[in-house]
PDB file of all heavy atoms in Angstrom:
ATOM      1  N   LEU A   1     126.627 155.212   2.910  1.00  0.00           N
ATOM      2  CA  LEU A   1     125.413 154.562   3.423  1.00  0.00           C
ATOM      3  C   LEU A   1     124.753 153.647   2.393  1.00  0.00           C
ATOM      4  O   LEU A   1     124.385 152.514   2.726  1.00  0.00           O
ATOM      5  CB  LEU A   1     124.422 155.614   3.929  1.00  0.00           C
ATOM      6  CG  LEU A   1     124.846 156.365   5.199  1.00  0.00           C
ATOM      7  CD1 LEU A   1     123.796 157.392   5.589  1.00  0.00           C
ATOM      8  CD2 LEU A   1     125.090 155.399   6.355  1.00  0.00           C
ATOM      9  N   PRO A   2     124.592 154.067   1.113  1.00  0.00           N
ATOM     10  CA  PRO A   2     124.003 153.134   0.141  1.00  0.00           C
ATOM     11  C   PRO A   2     124.841 151.872  -0.069  1.00  0.00           C
ATOM     12  O   PRO A   2     124.290 150.766  -0.153  1.00  0.00           O
ATOM     13  CB  PRO A   2     123.943 153.965  -1.154  1.00  0.00           C
ATOM     14  CG  PRO A   2     123.953 155.369  -0.713  1.00  0.00           C
ATOM     15  CD  PRO A   2     124.773 155.408   0.534  1.00  0.00           C
ATOM     16  N   VAL A   3     126.162 152.034  -0.141  1.00  0.00           N
ATOM     17  CA  VAL A   3     127.028 150.868  -0.358  1.00  0.00           C
ATOM     18  C   VAL A   3     126.947 149.907   0.825  1.00  0.00           C
ATOM     19  O   VAL A   3     126.874 148.687   0.655  1.00  0.00           O
ATOM     20  CB  VAL A   3     128.488 151.311  -0.622  1.00  0.00           C
ATOM     21  CG1 VAL A   3     129.438 150.131  -0.525  1.00  0.00           C
ATOM     22  CG2 VAL A   3     128.605 151.943  -1.997  1.00  0.00           C
ATOM     23  N   VAL A   4     126.944 150.453   2.040  1.00  0.00           N
ATOM     24  CA  VAL A   4     126.817 149.611   3.234  1.00  0.00           C
ATOM     25  C   VAL A   4     125.466 148.900   3.238  1.00  0.00           C
ATOM     26  O   VAL A   4     125.367 147.715   3.579  1.00  0.00           O
ATOM     27  CB  VAL A   4     127.012 150.444   4.518  1.00  0.00           C
ATOM     28  CG1 VAL A   4     126.614 149.651   5.752  1.00  0.00           C
ATOM     29  CG2 VAL A   4     128.462 150.904   4.633  1.00  0.00           C
ATOM     30  N   ALA A   5     124.407 149.624   2.830  1.00  0.00           N
ATOM     31  CA  ALA A   5     123.071 149.014   2.791  1.00  0.00           C
ATOM     32  C   ALA A   5     123.004 147.896   1.757  1.00  0.00           C
ATOM     33  O   ALA A   5     122.525 146.794   2.048  1.00  0.00           O
ATOM     34  CB  ALA A   5     122.023 150.087   2.482  1.00  0.00           C
ATOM     35  N   TYR A   6     123.486 148.173   0.530  1.00  0.00           N
ATOM     36  CA  TYR A   6     123.495 147.133  -0.509  1.00  0.00           C
ATOM     37  C   TYR A   6     124.337 145.934  -0.073  1.00  0.00           C
ATOM     38  O   TYR A   6     123.939 144.778  -0.233  1.00  0.00           O
ATOM     39  CB  TYR A   6     124.053 147.685  -1.820  1.00  0.00           C
ATOM     40  CG  TYR A   6     123.182 148.714  -2.500  1.00  0.00           C
ATOM     41  CD1 TYR A   6     123.739 149.875  -3.019  1.00  0.00           C
ATOM     42  CD2 TYR A   6     121.811 148.518  -2.638  1.00  0.00           C
ATOM     43  CE1 TYR A   6     122.947 150.835  -3.654  1.00  0.00           C
ATOM     44  CE2 TYR A   6     121.019 149.467  -3.265  1.00  0.00           C
ATOM     45  CZ  TYR A   6     121.586 150.619  -3.774  1.00  0.00           C
ATOM     46  OH  TYR A   6     120.817 151.553  -4.397  1.00  0.00           O
ATOM     47  N   GLY A   7     125.524 146.226   0.456  1.00  0.00           N
ATOM     48  CA  GLY A   7     126.406 145.153   0.908  1.00  0.00           C
ATOM     49  C   GLY A   7     125.786 144.345   2.035  1.00  0.00           C
ATOM     50  O   GLY A   7     125.919 143.122   2.089  1.00  0.00           O
ATOM     51  N   GLY A   8     125.098 145.043   2.950  1.00  0.00           N
ATOM     52  CA  GLY A   8     124.461 144.347   4.064  1.00  0.00           C
ATOM     53  C   GLY A   8     123.353 143.411   3.608  1.00  0.00           C
ATOM     54  O   GLY A   8     123.273 142.257   4.045  1.00  0.00           O
ATOM     55  N   VAL A   9     122.496 143.901   2.704  1.00  0.00           N
ATOM     56  CA  VAL A   9     121.405 143.060   2.190  1.00  0.00           C
ATOM     57  C   VAL A   9     121.973 141.872   1.418  1.00  0.00           C
ATOM     58  O   VAL A   9     121.547 140.719   1.603  1.00  0.00           O
ATOM     59  CB  VAL A   9     120.458 143.885   1.285  1.00  0.00           C
ATOM     60  CG1 VAL A   9     119.450 142.980   0.591  1.00  0.00           C
ATOM     61  CG2 VAL A   9     119.729 144.941   2.104  1.00  0.00           C
ATOM     62  N   ALA A  10     122.956 142.140   0.549  1.00  0.00           N
ATOM     63  CA  ALA A  10     123.582 141.059  -0.221  1.00  0.00           C
ATOM     64  C   ALA A  10     124.252 140.052   0.708  1.00  0.00           C
ATOM     65  O   ALA A  10     124.165 138.836   0.487  1.00  0.00           O
ATOM     66  CB  ALA A  10     124.614 141.634  -1.199  1.00  0.00           C
ATOM     67  N   GLY A  11     124.907 140.548   1.769  1.00  0.00           N
ATOM     68  CA  GLY A  11     125.591 139.658   2.702  1.00  0.00           C
ATOM     69  C   GLY A  11     124.631 138.771   3.477  1.00  0.00           C
ATOM     70  O   GLY A  11     124.871 137.566   3.631  1.00  0.00           O
ATOM     71  N   ILE A  12     123.531 139.353   3.950  1.00  0.00           N
ATOM     72  CA  ILE A  12     122.551 138.567   4.716  1.00  0.00           C
ATOM     73  C   ILE A  12     121.955 137.463   3.846  1.00  0.00           C
ATOM     74  O   ILE A  12     121.869 136.300   4.255  1.00  0.00           O
ATOM     75  CB  ILE A  12     121.444 139.484   5.281  1.00  0.00           C
ATOM     76  CG1 ILE A  12     122.017 140.353   6.403  1.00  0.00           C
ATOM     77  CG2 ILE A  12     120.266 138.674   5.793  1.00  0.00           C
ATOM     78  CD1 ILE A  12     121.115 141.475   6.834  1.00  0.00           C
ATOM     79  N   LEU A  13     121.528 137.828   2.629  1.00  0.00           N
ATOM     80  CA  LEU A  13     120.946 136.824   1.729  1.00  0.00           C
ATOM     81  C   LEU A  13     121.976 135.775   1.322  1.00  0.00           C
ATOM     82  O   LEU A  13     121.675 134.576   1.300  1.00  0.00           O
ATOM     83  CB  LEU A  13     120.376 137.510   0.485  1.00  0.00           C
ATOM     84  CG  LEU A  13     119.123 138.352   0.696  1.00  0.00           C
ATOM     85  CD1 LEU A  13     118.732 139.076  -0.583  1.00  0.00           C
ATOM     86  CD2 LEU A  13     117.963 137.483   1.177  1.00  0.00           C
ATOM     87  N   SER A  14     123.193 136.228   1.022  1.00  0.00           N
ATOM     88  CA  SER A  14     124.258 135.286   0.628  1.00  0.00           C
ATOM     89  C   SER A  14     124.583 134.330   1.766  1.00  0.00           C
ATOM     90  O   SER A  14     124.708 133.120   1.563  1.00  0.00           O
ATOM     91  CB  SER A  14     125.518 136.050   0.220  1.00  0.00           C
ATOM     92  OG  SER A  14     125.286 136.841  -0.908  1.00  0.00           O
ATOM     93  N   GLY A  15     124.743 134.877   2.970  1.00  0.00           N
ATOM     94  CA  GLY A  15     125.058 134.039   4.126  1.00  0.00           C
ATOM     95  C   GLY A  15     123.983 133.007   4.386  1.00  0.00           C
ATOM     96  O   GLY A  15     124.275 131.832   4.672  1.00  0.00           O
ATOM     97  N   PHE A  16     122.724 133.427   4.272  1.00  0.00           N
ATOM     98  CA  PHE A  16     121.599 132.508   4.495  1.00  0.00           C
ATOM     99  C   PHE A  16     121.588 131.392   3.447  1.00  0.00           C
ATOM    100  O   PHE A  16     121.485 130.209   3.783  1.00  0.00           O
ATOM    101  CB  PHE A  16     120.292 133.293   4.451  1.00  0.00           C
ATOM    102  CG  PHE A  16     119.065 132.445   4.621  1.00  0.00           C
ATOM    103  CD1 PHE A  16     118.750 131.880   5.845  1.00  0.00           C
ATOM    104  CD2 PHE A  16     118.225 132.201   3.545  1.00  0.00           C
ATOM    105  CE1 PHE A  16     117.622 131.085   6.001  1.00  0.00           C
ATOM    106  CE2 PHE A  16     117.102 131.416   3.688  1.00  0.00           C
ATOM    107  CZ  PHE A  16     116.793 130.854   4.921  1.00  0.00           C
ATOM    108  N   LEU A  17     121.726 131.777   2.167  1.00  0.00           N
ATOM    109  CA  LEU A  17     121.682 130.776   1.092  1.00  0.00           C
ATOM    110  C   LEU A  17     122.883 129.838   1.131  1.00  0.00           C
ATOM    111  O   LEU A  17     122.744 128.629   0.923  1.00  0.00           O
ATOM    112  CB  LEU A  17     121.607 131.474  -0.266  1.00  0.00           C
ATOM    113  CG  LEU A  17     120.281 132.169  -0.589  1.00  0.00           C
ATOM    114  CD1 LEU A  17     120.369 132.912  -1.914  1.00  0.00           C
ATOM    115  CD2 LEU A  17     119.135 131.166  -0.626  1.00  0.00           C
ATOM    116  N   VAL A  18     124.061 130.389   1.391  1.00  0.00           N
ATOM    117  CA  VAL A  18     125.262 129.535   1.460  1.00  0.00           C
ATOM    118  C   VAL A  18     125.179 128.597   2.654  1.00  0.00           C
ATOM    119  O   VAL A  18     125.589 127.431   2.570  1.00  0.00           O
ATOM    120  CB  VAL A  18     126.540 130.395   1.503  1.00  0.00           C
ATOM    121  CG1 VAL A  18     127.770 129.543   1.816  1.00  0.00           C
ATOM    122  CG2 VAL A  18     126.743 131.115   0.182  1.00  0.00           C
ATOM    123  N   GLY A  19     124.632 129.085   3.773  1.00  0.00           N
ATOM    124  CA  GLY A  19     124.437 128.208   4.932  1.00  0.00           C
ATOM    125  C   GLY A  19     123.515 127.045   4.610  1.00  0.00           C
ATOM    126  O   GLY A  19     123.810 125.888   4.930  1.00  0.00           O
ATOM    127  N   LEU A  20     122.389 127.348   3.945  1.00  0.00           N
ATOM    128  CA  LEU A  20     121.462 126.288   3.528  1.00  0.00           C
ATOM    129  C   LEU A  20     122.116 125.337   2.531  1.00  0.00           C
ATOM    130  O   LEU A  20     121.938 124.123   2.597  1.00  0.00           O
ATOM    131  CB  LEU A  20     120.213 126.903   2.887  1.00  0.00           C
ATOM    132  CG  LEU A  20     119.143 127.468   3.811  1.00  0.00           C
ATOM    133  CD1 LEU A  20     118.004 128.052   2.988  1.00  0.00           C
ATOM    134  CD2 LEU A  20     118.608 126.401   4.760  1.00  0.00           C
ATOM    135  N   PHE A  21     122.872 125.918   1.597  1.00  0.00           N
ATOM    136  CA  PHE A  21     123.548 125.119   0.577  1.00  0.00           C
ATOM    137  C   PHE A  21     124.518 124.129   1.212  1.00  0.00           C
ATOM    138  O   PHE A  21     124.542 122.949   0.869  1.00  0.00           O
ATOM    139  CB  PHE A  21     124.291 126.042  -0.390  1.00  0.00           C
ATOM    140  CG  PHE A  21     125.138 125.325  -1.396  1.00  0.00           C
ATOM    141  CD1 PHE A  21     124.579 124.728  -2.513  1.00  0.00           C
ATOM    142  CD2 PHE A  21     126.506 125.238  -1.224  1.00  0.00           C
ATOM    143  CE1 PHE A  21     125.360 124.054  -3.439  1.00  0.00           C
ATOM    144  CE2 PHE A  21     127.299 124.572  -2.142  1.00  0.00           C
ATOM    145  CZ  PHE A  21     126.724 123.976  -3.250  1.00  0.00           C
ATOM    146  N   ASN A  22     125.323 124.604   2.154  1.00  0.00           N
ATOM    147  CA  ASN A  22     126.297 123.718   2.802  1.00  0.00           C
ATOM    148  C   ASN A  22     125.621 122.662   3.669  1.00  0.00           C
ATOM    149  O   ASN A  22     126.104 121.532   3.754  1.00  0.00           O
ATOM    150  CB  ASN A  22     127.282 124.546   3.633  1.00  0.00           C
ATOM    151  CG  ASN A  22     128.342 125.199   2.777  1.00  0.00           C
ATOM    152  OD1 ASN A  22     129.207 124.543   2.226  1.00  0.00           O
ATOM    153  ND2 ASN A  22     128.267 126.512   2.633  1.00  0.00           N
ATOM    154  N   PHE A  23     124.504 123.024   4.289  1.00  0.00           N
ATOM    155  CA  PHE A  23     123.732 122.033   5.045  1.00  0.00           C
ATOM    156  C   PHE A  23     123.225 120.937   4.110  1.00  0.00           C
ATOM    157  O   PHE A  23     123.354 119.742   4.390  1.00  0.00           O
ATOM    158  CB  PHE A  23     122.558 122.712   5.755  1.00  0.00           C
ATOM    159  CG  PHE A  23     121.651 121.751   6.468  1.00  0.00           C
ATOM    160  CD1 PHE A  23     121.997 121.253   7.720  1.00  0.00           C
ATOM    161  CD2 PHE A  23     120.456 121.339   5.885  1.00  0.00           C
ATOM    162  CE1 PHE A  23     121.153 120.348   8.373  1.00  0.00           C
ATOM    163  CE2 PHE A  23     119.622 120.450   6.540  1.00  0.00           C
ATOM    164  CZ  PHE A  23     119.970 119.952   7.782  1.00  0.00           C
ATOM    165  N   GLY A  24     122.647 121.352   2.964  1.00  0.00           N
ATOM    166  CA  GLY A  24     122.168 120.382   1.985  1.00  0.00           C
ATOM    167  C   GLY A  24     123.290 119.534   1.420  1.00  0.00           C
ATOM    168  O   GLY A  24     123.123 118.329   1.195  1.00  0.00           O
ATOM    169  N   ALA A  25     124.456 120.149   1.190  1.00  0.00           N
ATOM    170  CA  ALA A  25     125.603 119.410   0.649  1.00  0.00           C
ATOM    171  C   ALA A  25     126.054 118.324   1.622  1.00  0.00           C
ATOM    172  O   ALA A  25     126.310 117.185   1.204  1.00  0.00           O
ATOM    173  CB  ALA A  25     126.755 120.381   0.362  1.00  0.00           C
ATOM    174  N   ARG A  26     126.155 118.671   2.906  1.00  0.00           N
ATOM    175  CA  ARG A  26     126.568 117.669   3.906  1.00  0.00           C
ATOM    176  C   ARG A  26     125.570 116.516   3.969  1.00  0.00           C
ATOM    177  O   ARG A  26     125.962 115.348   4.077  1.00  0.00           O
ATOM    178  CB  ARG A  26     126.714 118.332   5.278  1.00  0.00           C
ATOM    179  CG  ARG A  26     127.953 119.185   5.417  1.00  0.00           C
ATOM    180  CD  ARG A  26     128.214 119.556   6.863  1.00  0.00           C
ATOM    181  NE  ARG A  26     127.168 120.392   7.412  1.00  0.00           N
ATOM    182  CZ  ARG A  26     127.168 121.730   7.368  1.00  0.00           C
ATOM    183  NH1 ARG A  26     128.166 122.375   6.781  1.00  0.00           N
ATOM    184  NH2 ARG A  26     126.174 122.413   7.891  1.00  0.00           N
ATOM    185  N   TYR A  27     124.288 116.844   3.896  1.00  0.00           N
ATOM    186  CA  TYR A  27     123.259 115.801   3.944  1.00  0.00           C
ATOM    187  C   TYR A  27     123.359 114.881   2.726  1.00  0.00           C
ATOM    188  O   TYR A  27     123.303 113.648   2.858  1.00  0.00           O
ATOM    189  CB  TYR A  27     121.877 116.444   4.010  1.00  0.00           C
ATOM    190  CG  TYR A  27     120.751 115.440   3.959  1.00  0.00           C
ATOM    191  CD1 TYR A  27     120.375 114.730   5.101  1.00  0.00           C
ATOM    192  CD2 TYR A  27     120.077 115.175   2.766  1.00  0.00           C
ATOM    193  CE1 TYR A  27     119.353 113.791   5.047  1.00  0.00           C
ATOM    194  CE2 TYR A  27     119.056 114.250   2.705  1.00  0.00           C
ATOM    195  CZ  TYR A  27     118.696 113.560   3.852  1.00  0.00           C
ATOM    196  OH  TYR A  27     117.692 112.626   3.796  1.00  0.00           O
ATOM    197  N   LEU A  28     123.520 115.456   1.538  1.00  0.00           N
ATOM    198  CA  LEU A  28     123.595 114.650   0.317  1.00  0.00           C
ATOM    199  C   LEU A  28     124.850 113.781   0.282  1.00  0.00           C
ATOM    200  O   LEU A  28     124.809 112.642  -0.186  1.00  0.00           O
ATOM    201  CB  LEU A  28     123.551 115.556  -0.909  1.00  0.00           C
ATOM    202  CG  LEU A  28     122.176 116.119  -1.269  1.00  0.00           C
ATOM    203  CD1 LEU A  28     122.291 117.120  -2.399  1.00  0.00           C
ATOM    204  CD2 LEU A  28     121.212 115.001  -1.656  1.00  0.00           C
ATOM    205  N   ILE A  29     125.965 114.323   0.766  1.00  0.00           N
ATOM    206  CA  ILE A  29     127.204 113.527   0.810  1.00  0.00           C
ATOM    207  C   ILE A  29     127.026 112.327   1.737  1.00  0.00           C
ATOM    208  O   ILE A  29     127.410 111.205   1.401  1.00  0.00           O
ATOM    209  CB  ILE A  29     128.385 114.407   1.266  1.00  0.00           C
ATOM    210  CG1 ILE A  29     128.746 115.407   0.159  1.00  0.00           C
ATOM    211  CG2 ILE A  29     129.600 113.555   1.600  1.00  0.00           C
ATOM    212  CD1 ILE A  29     129.719 116.482   0.580  1.00  0.00           C
ATOM    213  N   LYS A  30     126.405 112.542   2.894  1.00  0.00           N
ATOM    214  CA  LYS A  30     126.161 111.442   3.837  1.00  0.00           C
ATOM    215  C   LYS A  30     125.197 110.420   3.221  1.00  0.00           C
ATOM    216  O   LYS A  30     125.411 109.212   3.323  1.00  0.00           O
ATOM    217  CB  LYS A  30     125.586 111.989   5.141  1.00  0.00           C
ATOM    218  CG  LYS A  30     125.381 110.919   6.219  1.00  0.00           C
ATOM    219  CD  LYS A  30     124.835 111.527   7.485  1.00  0.00           C
ATOM    220  CE  LYS A  30     124.660 110.455   8.560  1.00  0.00           C
ATOM    221  NZ  LYS A  30     123.805 109.326   8.141  1.00  0.00           N
ATOM    222  N   PHE A  31     124.150 110.920   2.565  1.00  0.00           N
ATOM    223  CA  PHE A  31     123.181 110.028   1.928  1.00  0.00           C
ATOM    224  C   PHE A  31     123.844 109.212   0.822  1.00  0.00           C
ATOM    225  O   PHE A  31     123.591 108.015   0.670  1.00  0.00           O
ATOM    226  CB  PHE A  31     122.023 110.855   1.365  1.00  0.00           C
ATOM    227  CG  PHE A  31     120.871 110.039   0.873  1.00  0.00           C
ATOM    228  CD1 PHE A  31     120.186 109.184   1.720  1.00  0.00           C
ATOM    229  CD2 PHE A  31     120.459 110.135  -0.450  1.00  0.00           C
ATOM    230  CE1 PHE A  31     119.116 108.428   1.269  1.00  0.00           C
ATOM    231  CE2 PHE A  31     119.389 109.382  -0.922  1.00  0.00           C
ATOM    232  CZ  PHE A  31     118.721 108.532  -0.055  1.00  0.00           C
ATOM    233  N   SER A  32     124.721 109.851   0.055  1.00  0.00           N
ATOM    234  CA  SER A  32     125.458 109.162  -1.009  1.00  0.00           C
ATOM    235  C   SER A  32     126.349 108.071  -0.437  1.00  0.00           C
ATOM    236  O   SER A  32     126.420 106.960  -0.982  1.00  0.00           O
ATOM    237  CB  SER A  32     126.296 110.181  -1.787  1.00  0.00           C
ATOM    238  OG  SER A  32     127.134 109.537  -2.704  1.00  0.00           O
ATOM    239  N   GLU A  33     127.034 108.378   0.663  1.00  0.00           N
ATOM    240  CA  GLU A  33     127.888 107.363   1.304  1.00  0.00           C
ATOM    241  C   GLU A  33     127.064 106.166   1.760  1.00  0.00           C
ATOM    242  O   GLU A  33     127.505 105.012   1.629  1.00  0.00           O
ATOM    243  CB  GLU A  33     128.622 107.989   2.490  1.00  0.00           C
ATOM    244  CG  GLU A  33     129.705 108.983   2.076  1.00  0.00           C
ATOM    245  CD  GLU A  33     130.268 109.738   3.270  1.00  0.00           C
ATOM    246  OE1 GLU A  33     129.719 109.603   4.387  1.00  0.00           O
ATOM    247  OE2 GLU A  33     131.254 110.473   3.083  1.00  0.00           O
TER     248      GLU A  33
END
């Protein structure tokens, strides 16, 4: 249960940040072009 909880919290935060990061990356690449 602790490992699943830690993994779940880390996964949610990681997924959210990586999603934002990739959105920002696509925008910057388009702006650069």
